[in-house]
Amino acid sequence: MEKGSPEDPGPSQLDNEAVHPKASTEQNNASEHSAQAQGTENTEYITGAKLLALDGSLILACFLILLDTSILGTAIPQITSDFESLADVGWYAGAYPLANAALQPLTGKLYTYFRAKYIFLIFLFIFELGSLICGAAQSSSMLIAGRVISGLGASGLMNGAMTIIAGSTPLEKRPLHIGIMLGISSIGLVAGPLVGGAFTQYATWRWCFYINLPVGGITAILLLIIHIPDLTYKAPVTMSLIRKVVPELDLFGFVLFAPAALMFLLALQFGSEGTHDWGEATIIGLFCGAGVTAIVFIAWEWHMGDRAMIPGSMVRQRVVWSSATVNLCLLGTMVTGAYYLPMYFQAVRGVGPSLSGVYTLPAIVAQLITAMVSGVGISKMGYYLPWAIVGGVLSTVGNGLISTLKASTSNATWIGFQIILGVGRGAGMQVASIAVQNCLPPHQIPISLAFLIFSQNLAASIFMVIASTIFTRSLVSEVKKHVPSLEPQRVLDAGGVATAVRALVPEGGEDLKGLLRAYEGSLARVWWVLAGLTGVALFACWGMGWKDVRKQKQKQGKEGDGGDGGEKV
């Protein structure tokens, strides 16, 4: 099927639900839907002010997702005090990513068969509803329920934003728009603790959730007034269409996948919190349950073939698994590093939470600028692999350099190290999504993006547990070595807050120097692990292929389904 676009479309045409140039309004029956959903990519794009407004709305939505991931850290002490619910702390932080991960793969199927604009708005509404419930919570249980609902809504927003960009811009221009979106929205991950602390201290912790309502409202209004083309033709929604699509969603696969993901993440959460020993029956049972359910899920997905929620034929393609590996290593370590870099400034250098956030700006600014530069570079050069290589090299070097930071390190040094790390992150953060869009047929792009984001979120959860375990055990060992008179449990209870750490030992004495060396050594081990993981990304990126996004679009137009990434293992 050849691609085409309407000639001089007027406003009425742009607002039409079906934008495929060769599709008539009569093509709304379910029997034709499968072919249409897997048809060639539409070439009706938006430009100018509408595109800027679209980018802005998607950036706001993605910013909120990442802000919600980290905003509660500084607000939890006040929340537990208000609700007298110290035992529920783990659920406040964990309910959101758990719900997000459980629904993530299914969202790709929804974006495949239905209009991206309206599926995105539905998920945004669910996210906002959860935020409203959290803000108005009158009990700990109500707050946890709100976090679960917010997580379900967030599960369809990040990959939905990328799917919308894919349908609204030509392939060769997507790197710029995705780079800008990811670069700016990632600020929310670092800004979360600062915003949460400010709201808790100067207003109320409830604004950590209420802030999502006006920002999300702006996003919804912009999306409603902008016509957004879809990546592929989507038939109008009818009951016959729904009856046809429901079997294609692989709901049984979702029923198997969700509990497997939940049990695995719960085991990680319980073990890392210290509420359960790793050898306890609860943890072992959760891991075993997750493993057995995952085996059944994999067998079912194999049975379903291309109709599976996560099609094996897609995952086996080299570009998909290599891109997923790069994505989970680079972005998963970025999430972990966002927790441990401020700890260095607070625990080792003795600055407060707000100033520690300011001190991480060199990495953030470098990451933002490089993400936009790499977007322009990929669009102009046509190749994304060089940026993946640069991202892997500089991220590995940057993480390694950060591991050498001491209390005596000069300002110029830690600023320079952060810039190297930020440039590496910015160079590589979007290449995975560009690679799969470049090599897969249009109808598989939403599913592949959902798979990338799920693997990234799962990796972040695993990396956080690994980092926490290494840091905690190392800190106990280092305290015994450098400050034998100090009980290690008191250090763990102090966390990484500057005042709490320095209150453990006399100011200016040898014990304080020893305690700071203990923190330095423990943090260094975390950064060694992160450097190793980003090194894995450097090796994996070679499987993404040497593809020119400027030529691949024309090749897809000639070949029909554009399946150029079909090398399997």
Protein backbone atom coordinates (compact mmCIF):
# COMPACT_ATOMS: atom_id res chain seq x y z
CA MET A 1 0.00 0.00 0.00
CA GLU A 2 1.43 3.38 -0.94
CA LYS A 3 1.41 6.25 1.56
CA GLY A 4 -0.32 9.47 0.79
CA SER A 5 -1.75 12.57 2.38
CA PRO A 6 -4.74 14.82 1.76
CA GLU A 7 -4.13 17.73 -0.53
CA ASP A 8 -4.69 21.09 1.15
CA PRO A 9 -6.82 19.71 3.92
CA GLY A 10 -9.27 22.17 5.38
CA PRO A 11 -10.31 22.45 9.01
CA SER A 12 -13.20 20.07 8.55
CA GLN A 13 -10.89 17.44 7.11
CA LEU A 14 -8.34 17.92 9.88
CA ASP A 15 -10.98 17.34 12.50
CA ASN A 16 -12.21 14.17 10.84
CA GLU A 17 -11.65 11.08 12.97
CA ALA A 18 -10.33 9.08 10.01
CA VAL A 19 -7.35 10.80 8.42
CA HIS A 20 -6.09 8.07 6.09
CA PRO A 21 -6.29 9.54 2.58
CA LYS A 22 -7.59 6.38 0.96
CA ALA A 23 -10.10 5.46 3.65
CA SER A 24 -13.72 6.38 3.09
CA THR A 25 -16.13 7.03 5.90
CA GLU A 26 -17.80 3.73 5.13
CA GLN A 27 -14.70 1.80 6.25
CA ASN A 28 -15.86 1.47 9.80
CA ASN A 29 -16.67 -2.18 10.09
CA ALA A 30 -14.67 -4.49 12.27
CA SER A 31 -13.70 -6.90 9.51
CA GLU A 32 -11.50 -4.26 7.89
CA HIS A 33 -10.00 -3.02 11.12
CA SER A 34 -7.13 -5.46 11.39
CA ALA A 35 -5.71 -4.55 8.02
CA GLN A 36 -6.15 -0.85 8.67
CA ALA A 37 -4.52 -1.01 12.10
CA GLN A 38 -1.51 -2.64 10.48
CA GLY A 39 -1.50 -0.35 7.47
CA THR A 40 1.25 1.96 6.36
CA GLU A 41 2.19 5.07 8.23
CA ASN A 42 0.08 8.16 7.65
CA THR A 43 1.89 11.20 6.31
CA GLU A 44 -0.44 13.88 7.57
CA TYR A 45 1.64 15.87 10.03
CA ILE A 46 1.18 19.06 12.02
CA THR A 47 3.56 22.01 12.05
CA GLY A 48 4.02 25.50 13.41
CA ALA A 49 2.17 26.74 16.47
CA LYS A 50 0.07 23.59 16.72
CA LEU A 51 3.18 21.43 16.90
CA LEU A 52 4.72 23.69 19.54
CA ALA A 53 1.53 23.51 21.59
CA LEU A 54 1.49 19.73 21.22
CA ASP A 55 5.11 19.45 22.34
CA GLY A 56 4.37 21.69 25.31
CA SER A 57 1.36 19.66 26.42
CA LEU A 58 3.24 16.36 26.19
CA ILE A 59 6.23 17.79 28.06
CA LEU A 60 3.93 18.88 30.89
CA ALA A 61 2.35 15.44 31.10
CA CYS A 62 5.70 13.60 31.12
CA PHE A 63 7.10 16.08 33.64
CA LEU A 64 4.23 15.24 36.00
CA ILE A 65 4.88 11.50 35.65
CA LEU A 66 8.52 11.83 36.67
CA LEU A 67 7.74 14.44 39.33
CA ASP A 68 5.30 12.02 40.94
CA THR A 69 7.99 9.36 40.99
CA SER A 70 10.21 11.32 43.38
CA ILE A 71 8.10 14.06 44.98
CA LEU A 72 7.02 12.10 48.06
CA GLY A 73 10.50 11.50 49.46
CA THR A 74 10.62 14.74 51.47
CA ALA A 75 6.89 14.75 52.26
CA ILE A 76 6.59 11.23 53.71
CA PRO A 77 7.72 12.15 57.27
CA GLN A 78 4.88 14.67 57.57
CA ILE A 79 2.35 12.31 55.96
CA THR A 80 3.21 9.49 58.35
CA SER A 81 2.91 11.94 61.24
CA ASP A 82 -0.53 13.15 60.12
CA PHE A 83 -1.92 9.66 59.55
CA GLU A 84 0.14 7.93 62.26
CA SER A 85 1.04 5.36 59.63
CA LEU A 86 4.77 4.71 59.76
CA ALA A 87 4.17 1.08 58.76
CA ASP A 88 2.67 2.22 55.43
CA VAL A 89 5.70 4.20 54.26
CA GLY A 90 6.69 1.57 51.71
CA TRP A 91 3.26 1.63 50.11
CA TYR A 92 3.29 5.41 49.68
CA ALA A 93 6.40 5.14 47.51
CA GLY A 94 5.77 1.70 46.04
CA ALA A 95 2.08 1.71 45.07
CA TYR A 96 2.65 4.14 42.18
CA PRO A 97 5.43 2.23 40.31
CA LEU A 98 3.79 -1.12 41.04
CA ALA A 99 0.53 -0.11 39.36
CA ASN A 100 2.45 1.58 36.56
CA ALA A 101 4.48 -1.55 35.76
CA ALA A 102 1.49 -3.92 35.93
CA LEU A 103 -0.48 -2.12 33.21
CA GLN A 104 2.40 -0.87 31.05
CA PRO A 105 2.55 -3.55 28.31
CA LEU A 106 -1.23 -3.53 27.74
CA THR A 107 -1.15 0.18 26.95
CA GLY A 108 0.82 -0.55 23.78
CA LYS A 109 -2.05 -2.66 22.49
CA LEU A 110 -4.56 0.09 23.25
CA TYR A 111 -2.53 2.66 21.31
CA THR A 112 -2.29 0.19 18.42
CA TYR A 113 -6.04 -0.18 17.93
CA PHE A 114 -7.55 3.11 19.11
CA ARG A 115 -6.97 6.83 18.52
CA ALA A 116 -3.85 7.86 20.41
CA LYS A 117 -5.27 11.25 21.38
CA TYR A 118 -8.26 9.85 23.22
CA ILE A 119 -6.44 6.93 24.83
CA PHE A 120 -3.88 9.43 26.14
CA LEU A 121 -6.64 11.67 27.53
CA ILE A 122 -8.25 8.69 29.27
CA PHE A 123 -4.99 7.77 30.97
CA LEU A 124 -4.43 11.43 31.87
CA PHE A 125 -7.89 11.57 33.46
CA ILE A 126 -7.13 8.43 35.51
CA PHE A 127 -3.82 9.96 36.62
CA GLU A 128 -5.53 13.20 37.62
CA LEU A 129 -8.29 11.32 39.47
CA GLY A 130 -5.65 9.50 41.48
CA SER A 131 -3.93 12.81 42.27
CA LEU A 132 -7.22 14.30 43.47
CA ILE A 133 -7.86 11.31 45.73
CA CYS A 134 -4.34 11.56 47.17
CA GLY A 135 -4.66 15.27 47.83
CA ALA A 136 -8.03 14.86 49.54
CA ALA A 137 -7.03 11.68 51.40
CA GLN A 138 -8.42 11.42 54.93
CA SER A 139 -6.66 8.17 55.76
CA SER A 140 -3.56 6.22 54.87
CA SER A 141 -5.61 3.67 52.93
CA MET A 142 -7.21 6.41 50.85
CA LEU A 143 -3.79 7.85 50.01
CA ILE A 144 -2.47 4.44 48.94
CA ALA A 145 -5.57 3.86 46.77
CA GLY A 146 -4.96 7.22 45.10
CA ARG A 147 -1.36 6.32 44.41
CA VAL A 148 -2.45 3.07 42.77
CA ILE A 149 -4.93 4.93 40.54
CA SER A 150 -2.28 7.52 39.62
CA GLY A 151 0.12 4.73 38.71
CA LEU A 152 -2.45 3.11 36.44
CA GLY A 153 -2.97 6.43 34.69
CA ALA A 154 0.76 7.13 34.38
CA SER A 155 1.32 3.75 32.72
CA GLY A 156 -0.09 5.00 29.42
CA LEU A 157 1.31 8.53 29.31
CA MET A 158 5.02 8.28 28.50
CA ASN A 159 4.67 5.77 25.67
CA GLY A 160 1.48 7.58 24.61
CA ALA A 161 3.42 10.83 24.29
CA MET A 162 6.01 9.14 22.07
CA THR A 163 3.27 7.50 19.99
CA ILE A 164 1.58 10.88 19.49
CA ILE A 165 4.87 12.46 18.42
CA ALA A 166 5.41 9.55 16.01
CA GLY A 167 2.04 10.21 14.40
CA SER A 168 2.45 13.98 14.28
CA THR A 169 5.97 14.34 12.86
CA PRO A 170 7.93 12.68 10.04
CA LEU A 171 10.51 10.09 11.07
CA GLU A 172 13.51 12.29 10.36
CA LYS A 173 12.18 15.05 12.68
CA ARG A 174 11.11 12.86 15.59
CA PRO A 175 14.55 12.78 17.30
CA LEU A 176 14.40 16.53 17.91
CA HIS A 177 10.91 16.47 19.41
CA ILE A 178 11.51 13.34 21.49
CA GLY A 179 14.84 14.74 22.69
CA ILE A 180 13.23 17.98 23.82
CA MET A 181 10.39 16.13 25.55
CA LEU A 182 12.63 13.66 27.40
CA GLY A 183 15.24 16.28 28.24
CA ILE A 184 12.86 18.79 29.81
CA SER A 185 10.53 16.30 31.47
CA SER A 186 13.45 14.48 33.14
CA ILE A 187 13.94 17.59 35.28
CA GLY A 188 10.86 16.43 37.18
CA LEU A 189 12.81 13.45 38.53
CA VAL A 190 15.34 15.72 40.26
CA ALA A 191 12.90 18.52 41.07
CA GLY A 192 10.54 16.15 42.89
CA PRO A 193 12.25 16.21 46.31
CA LEU A 194 12.70 19.99 46.13
CA VAL A 195 9.09 20.65 45.20
CA GLY A 196 7.81 18.14 47.75
CA GLY A 197 9.94 19.68 50.49
CA ALA A 198 8.83 23.20 49.63
CA PHE A 199 5.14 22.29 49.64
CA THR A 200 5.47 20.38 52.91
CA GLN A 201 7.38 23.14 54.65
CA TYR A 202 5.57 26.23 53.38
CA ALA A 203 2.07 24.98 52.49
CA THR A 204 0.88 21.39 52.89
CA TRP A 205 1.99 18.03 51.55
CA ARG A 206 -1.40 17.75 49.81
CA TRP A 207 -0.13 20.17 47.17
CA CYS A 208 2.33 17.49 46.09
CA PHE A 209 -0.75 15.99 44.44
CA TYR A 210 -2.97 19.01 43.84
CA ILE A 211 -0.26 20.56 41.65
CA ASN A 212 -1.03 17.87 39.07
CA LEU A 213 -4.58 19.11 38.59
CA PRO A 214 -4.03 22.55 36.99
CA VAL A 215 -0.99 21.37 35.02
CA GLY A 216 -2.85 18.30 33.80
CA GLY A 217 -5.86 20.46 32.97
CA ILE A 218 -3.72 22.66 30.73
CA THR A 219 -2.41 19.56 28.99
CA ALA A 220 -5.91 18.20 28.42
CA ILE A 221 -7.22 21.49 27.00
CA LEU A 222 -4.33 21.80 24.55
CA LEU A 223 -4.77 18.21 23.36
CA LEU A 224 -8.51 18.64 22.93
CA ILE A 225 -8.21 21.70 20.69
CA ILE A 226 -5.36 20.35 18.55
CA HIS A 227 -6.06 17.87 15.79
CA ILE A 228 -3.58 15.01 16.25
CA PRO A 229 -2.98 12.57 13.37
CA ASP A 230 -2.48 8.92 14.20
CA LEU A 231 0.55 6.87 13.23
CA THR A 232 -1.72 4.48 11.31
CA TYR A 233 -5.34 4.63 10.28
CA LYS A 234 -7.78 3.93 13.14
CA ALA A 235 -11.33 2.93 12.35
CA PRO A 236 -14.17 4.77 14.14
CA VAL A 237 -15.12 3.17 17.44
CA THR A 238 -18.21 0.98 17.16
CA MET A 239 -19.51 -1.98 19.13
CA SER A 240 -18.52 -4.31 16.29
CA LEU A 241 -15.00 -2.84 16.39
CA ILE A 242 -14.78 -3.36 20.16
CA ARG A 243 -15.94 -6.96 19.82
CA LYS A 244 -13.23 -7.46 17.19
CA VAL A 245 -10.46 -5.73 19.16
CA VAL A 246 -11.02 -7.23 22.63
CA PRO A 247 -9.60 -10.66 21.63
CA GLU A 248 -6.63 -8.88 20.06
CA LEU A 249 -5.76 -7.15 23.36
CA ASP A 250 -4.56 -10.44 24.89
CA LEU A 251 -6.35 -9.80 28.18
CA PHE A 252 -5.50 -13.27 29.46
CA GLY A 253 -1.85 -12.46 28.90
CA PHE A 254 -2.35 -9.31 30.96
CA VAL A 255 -4.03 -11.36 33.73
CA LEU A 256 -0.88 -13.50 33.87
CA PHE A 257 1.61 -10.68 33.47
CA ALA A 258 0.21 -8.28 36.10
CA PRO A 259 0.53 -10.61 39.12
CA ALA A 260 3.98 -11.77 37.97
CA ALA A 261 5.21 -8.18 37.85
CA LEU A 262 3.50 -7.28 41.12
CA MET A 263 4.92 -10.25 43.04
CA PHE A 264 8.42 -9.61 41.72
CA LEU A 265 8.37 -5.89 42.56
CA LEU A 266 6.77 -6.51 45.96
CA ALA A 267 9.54 -8.95 46.82
CA LEU A 268 12.14 -6.34 45.86
CA GLN A 269 10.35 -3.65 47.84
CA PHE A 270 9.88 -5.72 51.01
CA GLY A 271 13.47 -6.90 50.92
CA SER A 272 15.00 -3.48 50.28
CA GLU A 273 12.92 -1.80 53.01
CA GLY A 274 14.21 -4.18 55.63
CA THR A 275 10.70 -5.08 56.77
CA HIS A 276 11.42 -8.67 55.71
CA ASP A 277 14.68 -10.57 55.57
CA TRP A 278 15.67 -11.70 52.08
CA GLY A 279 15.60 -15.31 53.28
CA GLU A 280 12.09 -15.11 54.77
CA ALA A 281 9.31 -17.27 53.43
CA THR A 282 7.37 -14.18 52.30
CA ILE A 283 10.16 -12.98 50.01
CA ILE A 284 10.97 -16.45 48.71
CA GLY A 285 7.27 -17.14 48.10
CA LEU A 286 6.83 -13.92 46.15
CA PHE A 287 9.86 -14.63 43.98
CA CYS A 288 8.73 -18.20 43.34
CA GLY A 289 5.20 -17.08 42.55
CA ALA A 290 6.53 -14.44 40.17
CA GLY A 291 8.77 -16.99 38.47
CA VAL A 292 6.07 -19.60 37.97
CA THR A 293 3.56 -17.04 36.72
CA ALA A 294 6.17 -15.55 34.38
CA ILE A 295 6.85 -19.00 32.89
CA VAL A 296 3.13 -19.51 32.25
CA PHE A 297 2.93 -16.01 30.77
CA ILE A 298 5.84 -16.66 28.40
CA ALA A 299 4.26 -19.94 27.27
CA TRP A 300 0.96 -18.18 26.63
CA GLU A 301 2.61 -15.37 24.69
CA TRP A 302 4.42 -17.93 22.54
CA HIS A 303 1.08 -19.62 21.90
CA MET A 304 -0.53 -16.30 20.92
CA GLY A 305 2.19 -15.43 18.41
CA ASP A 306 1.80 -12.00 16.84
CA ARG A 307 -1.46 -11.45 18.72
CA ALA A 308 0.37 -11.56 22.05
CA MET A 309 0.56 -8.54 24.35
CA ILE A 310 4.34 -8.68 23.91
CA PRO A 311 4.83 -10.42 20.54
CA GLY A 312 7.81 -12.76 20.54
CA SER A 313 8.50 -11.99 16.88
CA MET A 314 8.99 -8.35 17.86
CA VAL A 315 11.13 -8.94 20.96
CA ARG A 316 13.42 -11.36 19.11
CA GLN A 317 14.37 -8.69 16.61
CA ARG A 318 17.86 -7.51 17.34
CA VAL A 319 16.97 -3.84 17.22
CA VAL A 320 14.27 -4.33 19.90
CA TRP A 321 16.23 -6.28 22.51
CA SER A 322 19.37 -4.21 21.99
CA SER A 323 17.39 -0.96 22.23
CA ALA A 324 15.64 -2.22 25.36
CA THR A 325 19.01 -3.06 26.92
CA VAL A 326 20.43 0.36 26.10
CA ASN A 327 17.31 2.08 27.40
CA LEU A 328 17.11 0.21 30.68
CA CYS A 329 20.83 0.64 31.38
CA LEU A 330 21.04 4.35 30.59
CA LEU A 331 17.71 5.55 31.96
CA GLY A 332 17.50 3.01 34.78
CA THR A 333 20.85 4.18 36.13
CA MET A 334 19.76 7.80 35.69
CA VAL A 335 16.83 7.22 38.06
CA THR A 336 19.12 5.54 40.60
CA GLY A 337 21.75 8.25 40.34
CA ALA A 338 19.12 10.91 40.99
CA TYR A 339 18.83 9.54 44.54
CA TYR A 340 22.52 9.11 45.35
CA LEU A 341 24.08 12.28 43.93
CA PRO A 342 22.10 14.55 46.31
CA MET A 343 23.11 12.22 49.16
CA TYR A 344 26.76 12.98 48.44
CA PHE A 345 26.14 16.71 48.75
CA GLN A 346 24.04 16.34 51.89
CA ALA A 347 25.88 13.64 53.83
CA VAL A 348 29.46 14.31 52.70
CA ARG A 349 29.52 18.03 51.94
CA GLY A 350 26.97 19.01 54.58
CA VAL A 351 24.48 21.05 52.54
CA GLY A 352 20.70 21.09 52.97
CA PRO A 353 18.13 19.36 50.74
CA SER A 354 17.35 22.46 48.67
CA LEU A 355 20.97 23.36 48.02
CA SER A 356 21.81 19.75 47.18
CA GLY A 357 19.22 19.96 44.41
CA VAL A 358 20.84 23.14 43.13
CA TYR A 359 24.24 21.43 43.14
CA THR A 360 22.94 18.76 40.75
CA LEU A 361 22.05 21.40 38.13
CA PRO A 362 25.26 20.94 36.08
CA ALA A 363 24.22 17.39 35.19
CA ILE A 364 20.62 18.42 34.54
CA VAL A 365 21.49 21.37 32.31
CA ALA A 366 24.10 19.37 30.39
CA GLN A 367 21.60 16.54 29.93
CA LEU A 368 18.86 18.89 28.71
CA ILE A 369 21.08 20.73 26.23
CA THR A 370 22.64 17.52 24.88
CA ALA A 371 19.24 15.84 24.50
CA MET A 372 18.13 18.69 22.24
CA VAL A 373 21.46 18.81 20.39
CA SER A 374 21.35 15.06 19.80
CA GLY A 375 17.82 15.39 18.46
CA VAL A 376 18.99 17.95 15.93
CA GLY A 377 22.11 15.90 15.22
CA ILE A 378 20.20 12.70 14.49
CA SER A 379 17.79 14.60 12.25
CA LYS A 380 20.66 16.20 10.30
CA MET A 381 23.14 13.30 10.25
CA GLY A 382 20.47 10.64 9.93
CA TYR A 383 22.28 8.14 12.18
CA TYR A 384 21.50 7.43 15.83
CA LEU A 385 24.18 4.81 16.61
CA PRO A 386 27.00 7.38 17.06
CA TRP A 387 24.93 9.12 19.70
CA ALA A 388 24.30 5.82 21.48
CA ILE A 389 28.04 5.15 21.52
CA VAL A 390 28.81 8.63 22.83
CA GLY A 391 26.08 8.23 25.46
CA GLY A 392 27.45 4.88 26.62
CA VAL A 393 31.06 6.06 26.76
CA LEU A 394 30.45 9.36 28.55
CA SER A 395 27.87 7.90 30.95
CA THR A 396 30.30 5.18 31.95
CA VAL A 397 33.18 7.63 32.34
CA GLY A 398 30.92 10.11 34.18
CA ASN A 399 29.65 7.52 36.65
CA GLY A 400 33.21 6.38 37.25
CA LEU A 401 34.39 9.93 37.88
CA ILE A 402 31.51 10.64 40.26
CA SER A 403 32.64 7.63 42.32
CA THR A 404 35.88 9.49 43.13
CA LEU A 405 34.18 12.48 44.79
CA LYS A 406 35.36 13.24 48.32
CA ALA A 407 34.56 15.86 50.94
CA SER A 408 37.63 17.80 49.78
CA THR A 409 36.80 17.70 46.04
CA SER A 410 36.85 21.19 44.52
CA ASN A 411 33.72 22.78 43.10
CA ALA A 412 35.18 22.91 39.60
CA THR A 413 35.88 19.18 39.72
CA TRP A 414 32.44 17.97 40.76
CA ILE A 415 30.83 20.40 38.31
CA GLY A 416 33.01 19.07 35.49
CA PHE A 417 32.28 15.44 36.37
CA GLN A 418 28.54 16.14 36.37
CA ILE A 419 28.75 17.82 32.97
CA ILE A 420 30.42 14.73 31.50
CA LEU A 421 27.72 12.51 33.01
CA GLY A 422 24.92 14.83 31.86
CA VAL A 423 26.23 14.96 28.30
CA GLY A 424 26.38 11.16 28.22
CA ARG A 425 22.83 10.79 29.49
CA GLY A 426 21.48 13.41 27.11
CA ALA A 427 23.22 11.88 24.10
CA GLY A 428 21.79 8.43 24.68
CA MET A 429 18.41 8.92 26.33
CA GLN A 430 16.31 8.95 23.15
CA VAL A 431 18.20 6.66 20.77
CA ALA A 432 16.32 3.50 21.76
CA SER A 433 12.90 4.93 20.91
CA ILE A 434 14.24 6.33 17.63
CA ALA A 435 15.79 2.99 16.69
CA VAL A 436 12.59 0.97 17.09
CA GLN A 437 10.54 3.60 15.26
CA ASN A 438 13.06 3.53 12.46
CA CYS A 439 13.17 -0.24 12.02
CA LEU A 440 9.73 -1.56 12.93
CA PRO A 441 6.50 -1.34 10.92
CA PRO A 442 4.14 1.42 12.13
CA HIS A 443 1.61 -0.92 13.75
CA GLN A 444 4.29 -2.33 16.09
CA ILE A 445 5.65 1.02 17.25
CA PRO A 446 3.18 1.60 20.16
CA ILE A 447 3.79 -1.94 21.48
CA SER A 448 7.56 -1.59 21.18
CA LEU A 449 7.54 1.79 22.97
CA ALA A 450 5.46 0.32 25.81
CA PHE A 451 7.95 -2.55 26.03
CA LEU A 452 10.89 -0.13 26.20
CA ILE A 453 9.32 1.93 28.96
CA PHE A 454 8.28 -1.14 30.95
CA SER A 455 11.81 -2.58 30.77
CA GLN A 456 13.19 0.81 31.81
CA ASN A 457 10.89 1.07 34.83
CA LEU A 458 11.51 -2.53 35.86
CA ALA A 459 15.26 -2.00 35.58
CA ALA A 460 15.06 1.17 37.67
CA SER A 461 13.28 -0.77 40.42
CA ILE A 462 15.89 -3.54 40.32
CA PHE A 463 18.81 -1.10 40.18
CA MET A 464 17.43 0.83 43.16
CA VAL A 465 17.28 -2.34 45.23
CA ILE A 466 20.79 -3.36 44.19
CA ALA A 467 22.15 0.12 44.94
CA SER A 468 20.35 0.30 48.28
CA THR A 469 21.63 -3.11 49.35
CA ILE A 470 25.21 -2.33 48.33
CA PHE A 471 25.14 1.09 49.96
CA THR A 472 23.62 -0.13 53.23
CA ARG A 473 25.94 -3.10 53.67
CA SER A 474 28.97 -1.09 52.67
CA LEU A 475 28.07 1.72 55.05
CA VAL A 476 27.78 -0.71 57.98
CA SER A 477 31.18 -2.18 57.11
CA GLU A 478 32.83 1.21 56.58
CA VAL A 479 31.45 2.66 59.83
CA LYS A 480 32.84 -0.30 61.77
CA LYS A 481 36.19 0.29 60.09
CA HIS A 482 36.49 4.08 60.38
CA VAL A 483 34.34 4.85 63.45
CA PRO A 484 34.36 1.71 65.61
CA SER A 485 32.84 3.57 68.56
CA LEU A 486 29.67 4.38 66.60
CA GLU A 487 26.77 1.96 66.31
CA PRO A 488 26.12 1.37 62.54
CA GLN A 489 22.36 1.22 63.05
CA ARG A 490 22.37 4.82 64.27
CA VAL A 491 24.05 5.83 60.99
CA LEU A 492 21.46 3.96 58.95
CA ASP A 493 18.66 5.64 60.90
CA ALA A 494 20.18 9.05 60.17
CA GLY A 495 19.94 8.43 56.42
CA GLY A 496 21.78 11.01 54.36
CA VAL A 497 20.51 14.26 55.89
CA ALA A 498 23.43 16.56 56.71
CA THR A 499 22.30 17.64 60.16
CA ALA A 500 21.38 14.10 61.22
CA VAL A 501 24.72 12.70 60.05
CA ARG A 502 26.77 15.34 61.84
CA ALA A 503 24.75 15.01 65.01
CA LEU A 504 26.08 11.45 65.43
CA VAL A 505 29.66 12.51 66.24
CA PRO A 506 31.43 15.58 67.67
CA GLU A 507 31.85 18.36 65.13
CA GLY A 508 35.33 18.71 63.68
CA GLY A 509 36.77 15.60 65.30
CA GLU A 510 38.42 12.51 63.85
CA ASP A 511 35.18 10.56 64.19
CA LEU A 512 33.46 12.97 61.79
CA LYS A 513 36.25 12.54 59.26
CA GLY A 514 35.95 8.80 59.59
CA LEU A 515 32.18 8.93 59.18
CA LEU A 516 32.50 11.01 56.02
CA ARG A 517 35.04 8.52 54.65
CA ALA A 518 32.50 5.77 55.35
CA TYR A 519 29.89 7.62 53.28
CA GLU A 520 32.41 8.35 50.52
CA GLY A 521 33.40 4.70 50.21
CA SER A 522 29.80 3.45 50.29
CA LEU A 523 28.63 5.93 47.67
CA ALA A 524 31.61 5.07 45.48
CA ARG A 525 30.52 1.43 45.35
CA VAL A 526 27.08 2.48 44.14
CA TRP A 527 28.59 4.53 41.34
CA TRP A 528 30.85 1.64 40.35
CA VAL A 529 27.77 -0.48 39.79
CA LEU A 530 26.13 2.29 37.75
CA ALA A 531 29.30 2.65 35.66
CA GLY A 532 29.25 -1.08 34.95
CA LEU A 533 25.61 -0.98 33.89
CA THR A 534 26.15 1.92 31.50
CA GLY A 535 29.12 -0.02 30.14
CA VAL A 536 26.66 -2.79 29.24
CA ALA A 537 24.69 -0.19 27.26
CA LEU A 538 27.84 0.64 25.32
CA PHE A 539 28.19 -2.97 24.18
CA ALA A 540 24.46 -3.49 23.54
CA CYS A 541 24.04 -0.39 21.37
CA TRP A 542 25.90 -2.02 18.48
CA GLY A 543 22.88 -4.23 17.90
CA MET A 544 20.72 -1.22 17.10
CA GLY A 545 22.09 -1.10 13.57
CA TRP A 546 23.53 1.57 11.31
CA LYS A 547 20.32 3.05 9.90
CA ASP A 548 19.70 6.42 8.30
CA VAL A 549 16.39 7.86 9.49
CA ARG A 550 16.31 10.16 6.46
CA LYS A 551 16.34 7.21 4.03
CA GLN A 552 14.47 4.64 6.08
CA LYS A 553 11.19 6.53 5.74
CA GLN A 554 11.28 6.32 1.96
CA LYS A 555 12.25 2.65 2.18
CA GLN A 556 9.26 1.93 4.41
CA GLY A 557 7.00 3.65 1.94
CA LYS A 558 8.18 1.36 -0.85
CA GLU A 559 8.13 -1.87 1.15
CA GLY A 560 4.68 -1.47 2.66
CA ASP A 561 5.15 -2.51 6.26
CA GLY A 562 8.69 -1.24 6.55
CA GLY A 563 9.94 -4.19 8.55
CA ASP A 564 13.62 -3.42 8.21
CA GLY A 565 14.53 -4.45 11.68
CA GLY A 566 13.73 -8.08 11.22
CA GLU A 567 17.04 -9.64 12.21
CA LYS A 568 16.24 -12.18 14.91
CA VAL A 569 18.23 -14.23 17.32
